[in-house]
């Protein structure tokens, strides 16, 4: 257990960091996508 545990922890931490960055990227992308959609919708409504 003592040999196994320290060996796997850095990988686990690395994976959580990667997933966190991935989730943050997805969230930021969704925000940008939503704002773009809102802007396009707003422009289309103003044209009418």
PDB file of N, CA and C in Angstrom:
ATOM      1  N   UNK A   1       0.835  -1.207   0.000  1.00  0.00           N
ATOM      2  CA  UNK A   1       0.000   0.000   0.000  1.00  0.00           C
ATOM      3  C   UNK A   1       0.872   1.261   0.000  1.00  0.00           C
ATOM      4  N   UNK A   2       1.918   1.229   0.794  1.00  0.00           N
ATOM      5  CA  UNK A   2       2.774   2.409   0.915  1.00  0.00           C
ATOM      6  C   UNK A   2       3.501   2.696  -0.411  1.00  0.00           C
ATOM      7  N   UNK A   3       3.854   1.666  -1.133  1.00  0.00           N
ATOM      8  CA  UNK A   3       4.549   1.823  -2.422  1.00  0.00           C
ATOM      9  C   UNK A   3       3.533   2.210  -3.506  1.00  0.00           C
ATOM     10  N   UNK A   4       2.354   1.621  -3.423  1.00  0.00           N
ATOM     11  CA  UNK A   4       1.315   1.808  -4.429  1.00  0.00           C
ATOM     12  C   UNK A   4       0.708   3.214  -4.359  1.00  0.00           C
ATOM     13  N   UNK A   5       0.489   3.698  -3.153  1.00  0.00           N
ATOM     14  CA  UNK A   5      -0.205   4.981  -2.960  1.00  0.00           C
ATOM     15  C   UNK A   5       0.556   6.192  -3.527  1.00  0.00           C
ATOM     16  N   UNK A   6       1.848   6.401  -3.158  1.00  0.00           N
ATOM     17  CA  UNK A   6       2.540   7.589  -3.672  1.00  0.00           C
ATOM     18  C   UNK A   6       2.720   7.548  -5.195  1.00  0.00           C
ATOM     19  N   UNK A   7       2.741   6.349  -5.738  1.00  0.00           N
ATOM     20  CA  UNK A   7       2.931   6.205  -7.177  1.00  0.00           C
ATOM     21  C   UNK A   7       1.684   6.659  -7.948  1.00  0.00           C
ATOM     22  N   UNK A   8       0.513   6.401  -7.412  1.00  0.00           N
ATOM     23  CA  UNK A   8      -0.732   6.725  -8.119  1.00  0.00           C
ATOM     24  C   UNK A   8      -1.229   8.145  -7.844  1.00  0.00           C
ATOM     25  N   UNK A   9      -0.845   8.741  -6.721  1.00  0.00           N
ATOM     26  CA  UNK A   9      -1.362  10.074  -6.388  1.00  0.00           C
ATOM     27  C   UNK A   9      -1.007  11.149  -7.420  1.00  0.00           C
ATOM     28  N   UNK A  10       0.244  11.226  -7.914  1.00  0.00           N
ATOM     29  CA  UNK A  10       0.538  12.287  -8.889  1.00  0.00           C
ATOM     30  C   UNK A  10      -0.294  12.134 -10.162  1.00  0.00           C
ATOM     31  N   UNK A  11      -0.526  10.906 -10.588  1.00  0.00           N
ATOM     32  CA  UNK A  11      -1.337  10.644 -11.780  1.00  0.00           C
ATOM     33  C   UNK A  11      -2.758  11.124 -11.521  1.00  0.00           C
ATOM     34  N   UNK A  12      -3.286  10.816 -10.344  1.00  0.00           N
ATOM     35  CA  UNK A  12      -4.643  11.218  -9.964  1.00  0.00           C
ATOM     36  C   UNK A  12      -4.771  12.743  -9.955  1.00  0.00           C
ATOM     37  N   UNK A  13      -3.793  13.400  -9.358  1.00  0.00           N
ATOM     38  CA  UNK A  13      -3.789  14.871  -9.287  1.00  0.00           C
ATOM     39  C   UNK A  13      -3.716  15.443 -10.703  1.00  0.00           C
ATOM     40  N   UNK A  14      -2.854  14.844 -11.535  1.00  0.00           N
ATOM     41  CA  UNK A  14      -2.701  15.267 -12.921  1.00  0.00           C
ATOM     42  C   UNK A  14      -4.033  15.145 -13.657  1.00  0.00           C
ATOM     43  N   UNK A  15      -4.710  14.011 -13.472  1.00  0.00           N
ATOM     44  CA  UNK A  15      -5.996  13.777 -14.130  1.00  0.00           C
ATOM     45  C   UNK A  15      -7.047  14.770 -13.682  1.00  0.00           C
ATOM     46  N   UNK A  16      -7.099  15.068 -12.392  1.00  0.00           N
ATOM     47  CA  UNK A  16      -8.087  16.022 -11.893  1.00  0.00           C
ATOM     48  C   UNK A  16      -7.805  17.414 -12.463  1.00  0.00           C
ATOM     49  N   UNK A  17      -6.527  17.762 -12.575  1.00  0.00           N
ATOM     50  CA  UNK A  17      -6.144  19.055 -13.159  1.00  0.00           C
ATOM     51  C   UNK A  17      -6.604  19.123 -14.605  1.00  0.00           C
ATOM     52  N   UNK A  18      -6.369  18.048 -15.357  1.00  0.00           N
ATOM     53  CA  UNK A  18      -6.754  17.995 -16.769  1.00  0.00           C
ATOM     54  C   UNK A  18      -8.269  18.106 -16.899  1.00  0.00           C
ATOM     55  N   UNK A  19      -8.991  17.350 -16.075  1.00  0.00           N
ATOM     56  CA  UNK A  19     -10.455  17.388 -16.148  1.00  0.00           C
ATOM     57  C   UNK A  19     -10.972  18.764 -15.758  1.00  0.00           C
ATOM     58  N   UNK A  20     -10.336  19.383 -14.774  1.00  0.00           N
ATOM     59  CA  UNK A  20     -10.752  20.728 -14.345  1.00  0.00           C
ATOM     60  C   UNK A  20     -10.581  21.727 -15.479  1.00  0.00           C
ATOM     61  N   UNK A  21      -9.418  21.682 -16.126  1.00  0.00           N
ATOM     62  CA  UNK A  21      -9.136  22.582 -17.251  1.00  0.00           C
ATOM     63  C   UNK A  21     -10.138  22.316 -18.375  1.00  0.00           C
ATOM     64  N   UNK A  22     -10.401  21.031 -18.624  1.00  0.00           N
ATOM     65  CA  UNK A  22     -11.341  20.617 -19.678  1.00  0.00           C
ATOM     66  C   UNK A  22     -12.744  21.148 -19.396  1.00  0.00           C
ATOM     67  N   UNK A  23     -13.178  21.004 -18.137  1.00  0.00           N
ATOM     68  CA  UNK A  23     -14.504  21.481 -17.729  1.00  0.00           C
ATOM     69  C   UNK A  23     -14.575  23.008 -17.865  1.00  0.00           C
ATOM     70  N   UNK A  24     -13.521  23.688 -17.432  1.00  0.00           N
ATOM     71  CA  UNK A  24     -13.481  25.145 -17.526  1.00  0.00           C
ATOM     72  C   UNK A  24     -13.553  25.596 -18.979  1.00  0.00           C
ATOM     73  N   UNK A  25     -12.834  24.875 -19.857  1.00  0.00           N
ATOM     74  CA  UNK A  25     -12.851  25.212 -21.281  1.00  0.00           C
ATOM     75  C   UNK A  25     -14.250  25.035 -21.849  1.00  0.00           C
ATOM     76  N   UNK A  26     -14.905  23.936 -21.487  1.00  0.00           N
ATOM     77  CA  UNK A  26     -16.269  23.665 -21.964  1.00  0.00           C
ATOM     78  C   UNK A  26     -17.218  24.757 -21.472  1.00  0.00           C
ATOM     79  N   UNK A  27     -17.097  25.116 -20.196  1.00  0.00           N
ATOM     80  CA  UNK A  27     -17.975  26.145 -19.620  1.00  0.00           C
ATOM     81  C   UNK A  27     -17.772  27.490 -20.310  1.00  0.00           C
ATOM     82  N   UNK A  28     -16.521  27.856 -20.543  1.00  0.00           N
ATOM     83  CA  UNK A  28     -16.233  29.123 -21.213  1.00  0.00           C
ATOM     84  C   UNK A  28     -16.749  29.099 -22.646  1.00  0.00           C
ATOM     85  N   UNK A  29     -16.608  27.943 -23.299  1.00  0.00           N
ATOM     86  CA  UNK A  29     -17.103  27.789 -24.674  1.00  0.00           C
ATOM     87  C   UNK A  29     -18.623  27.947 -24.710  1.00  0.00           C
ATOM     88  N   UNK A  30     -19.300  27.332 -23.734  1.00  0.00           N
ATOM     89  CA  UNK A  30     -20.761  27.431 -23.646  1.00  0.00           C
ATOM     90  C   UNK A  30     -21.183  28.880 -23.423  1.00  0.00           C
ATOM     91  N   UNK A  31     -20.465  29.578 -22.576  1.00  0.00           N
ATOM     92  CA  UNK A  31     -20.774  30.986 -22.305  1.00  0.00           C
ATOM     93  C   UNK A  31     -20.627  31.809 -23.567  1.00  0.00           C
ATOM     94  N   UNK A  32     -19.523  31.599 -24.298  1.00  0.00           N
ATOM     95  CA  UNK A  32     -19.266  32.337 -25.544  1.00  0.00           C
ATOM     96  C   UNK A  32     -20.359  32.009 -26.556  1.00  0.00           C
ATOM     97  N   UNK A  33     -20.695  30.732 -26.669  1.00  0.00           N
ATOM     98  CA  UNK A  33     -21.715  30.276 -27.616  1.00  0.00           C
ATOM     99  C   UNK A  33     -23.072  30.908 -27.303  1.00  0.00           C
ATOM    100  N   UNK A  34     -23.405  30.925 -26.018  1.00  0.00           N
ATOM    101  CA  UNK A  34     -24.683  31.507 -25.584  1.00  0.00           C
ATOM    102  C   UNK A  34     -24.727  32.999 -25.875  1.00  0.00           C
ATOM    103  N   UNK A  35     -23.638  33.711 -25.593  1.00  0.00           N
ATOM    104  CA  UNK A  35     -23.600  35.157 -25.819  1.00  0.00           C
ATOM    105  C   UNK A  35     -23.669  35.455 -27.313  1.00  0.00           C
ATOM    106  N   UNK A  36     -22.979  34.654 -28.124  1.00  0.00           N
ATOM    107  CA  UNK A  36     -23.023  34.831 -29.581  1.00  0.00           C
ATOM    108  C   UNK A  36     -24.443  34.630 -30.090  1.00  0.00           C
ATOM    109  N   UNK A  37     -25.099  33.574 -29.587  1.00  0.00           N
ATOM    110  CA  UNK A  37     -26.476  33.281 -29.977  1.00  0.00           C
ATOM    111  C   UNK A  37     -27.389  34.448 -29.581  1.00  0.00           C
ATOM    112  N   UNK A  38     -27.191  34.955 -28.386  1.00  0.00           N
ATOM    113  CA  UNK A  38     -28.004  36.067 -27.878  1.00  0.00           C
ATOM    114  C   UNK A  38     -27.788  37.312 -28.737  1.00  0.00           C
ATOM    115  N   UNK A  39     -26.540  37.572 -29.095  1.00  0.00           N
ATOM    116  CA  UNK A  39     -26.209  38.743 -29.924  1.00  0.00           C
ATOM    117  C   UNK A  39     -26.849  38.597 -31.302  1.00  0.00           C
ATOM    118  N   UNK A  40     -26.729  37.434 -31.901  1.00  0.00           N
ATOM    119  CA  UNK A  40     -27.314  37.170 -33.224  1.00  0.00           C
ATOM    120  C   UNK A  40     -28.830  37.326 -33.156  1.00  0.00           C
ATOM    121  N   UNK A  41     -29.426  36.768 -32.112  1.00  0.00           N
ATOM    122  CA  UNK A  41     -30.885  36.846 -31.912  1.00  0.00           C
ATOM    123  C   UNK A  41     -31.319  38.308 -31.773  1.00  0.00           C
ATOM    124  N   UNK A  42     -30.540  39.063 -31.012  1.00  0.00           N
ATOM    125  CA  UNK A  42     -30.824  40.479 -30.771  1.00  0.00           C
ATOM    126  C   UNK A  42     -30.752  41.266 -32.083  1.00  0.00           C
ATOM    127  N   UNK A  43     -29.722  40.991 -32.891  1.00  0.00           N
ATOM    128  CA  UNK A  43     -29.534  41.680 -34.180  1.00  0.00           C
ATOM    129  C   UNK A  43     -30.693  41.330 -35.120  1.00  0.00           C
ATOM    130  N   UNK A  44     -31.055  40.062 -35.166  1.00  0.00           N
ATOM    131  CA  UNK A  44     -32.154  39.612 -36.035  1.00  0.00           C
ATOM    132  C   UNK A  44     -33.466  40.286 -35.630  1.00  0.00           C
ATOM    133  N   UNK A  45     -33.690  40.434 -34.340  1.00  0.00           N
ATOM    134  CA  UNK A  45     -34.914  41.069 -33.850  1.00  0.00           C
ATOM    135  C   UNK A  45     -34.930  42.558 -34.180  1.00  0.00           C
ATOM    136  N   UNK A  46     -33.759  43.173 -34.122  1.00  0.00           N
ATOM    137  CA  UNK A  46     -33.671  44.601 -34.433  1.00  0.00           C
ATOM    138  C   UNK A  46     -33.867  44.867 -35.925  1.00  0.00           C
ATOM    139  N   UNK A  47     -33.435  43.928 -36.759  1.00  0.00           N
ATOM    140  CA  UNK A  47     -33.590  44.082 -38.213  1.00  0.00           C
ATOM    141  C   UNK A  47     -35.068  44.040 -38.609  1.00  0.00           C
ATOM    142  N   UNK A  48     -35.841  43.207 -37.928  1.00  0.00           N
ATOM    143  CA  UNK A  48     -37.284  43.084 -38.199  1.00  0.00           C
ATOM    144  C   UNK A  48     -37.997  44.319 -37.714  1.00  0.00           C
TER     145      UNK A  48
END
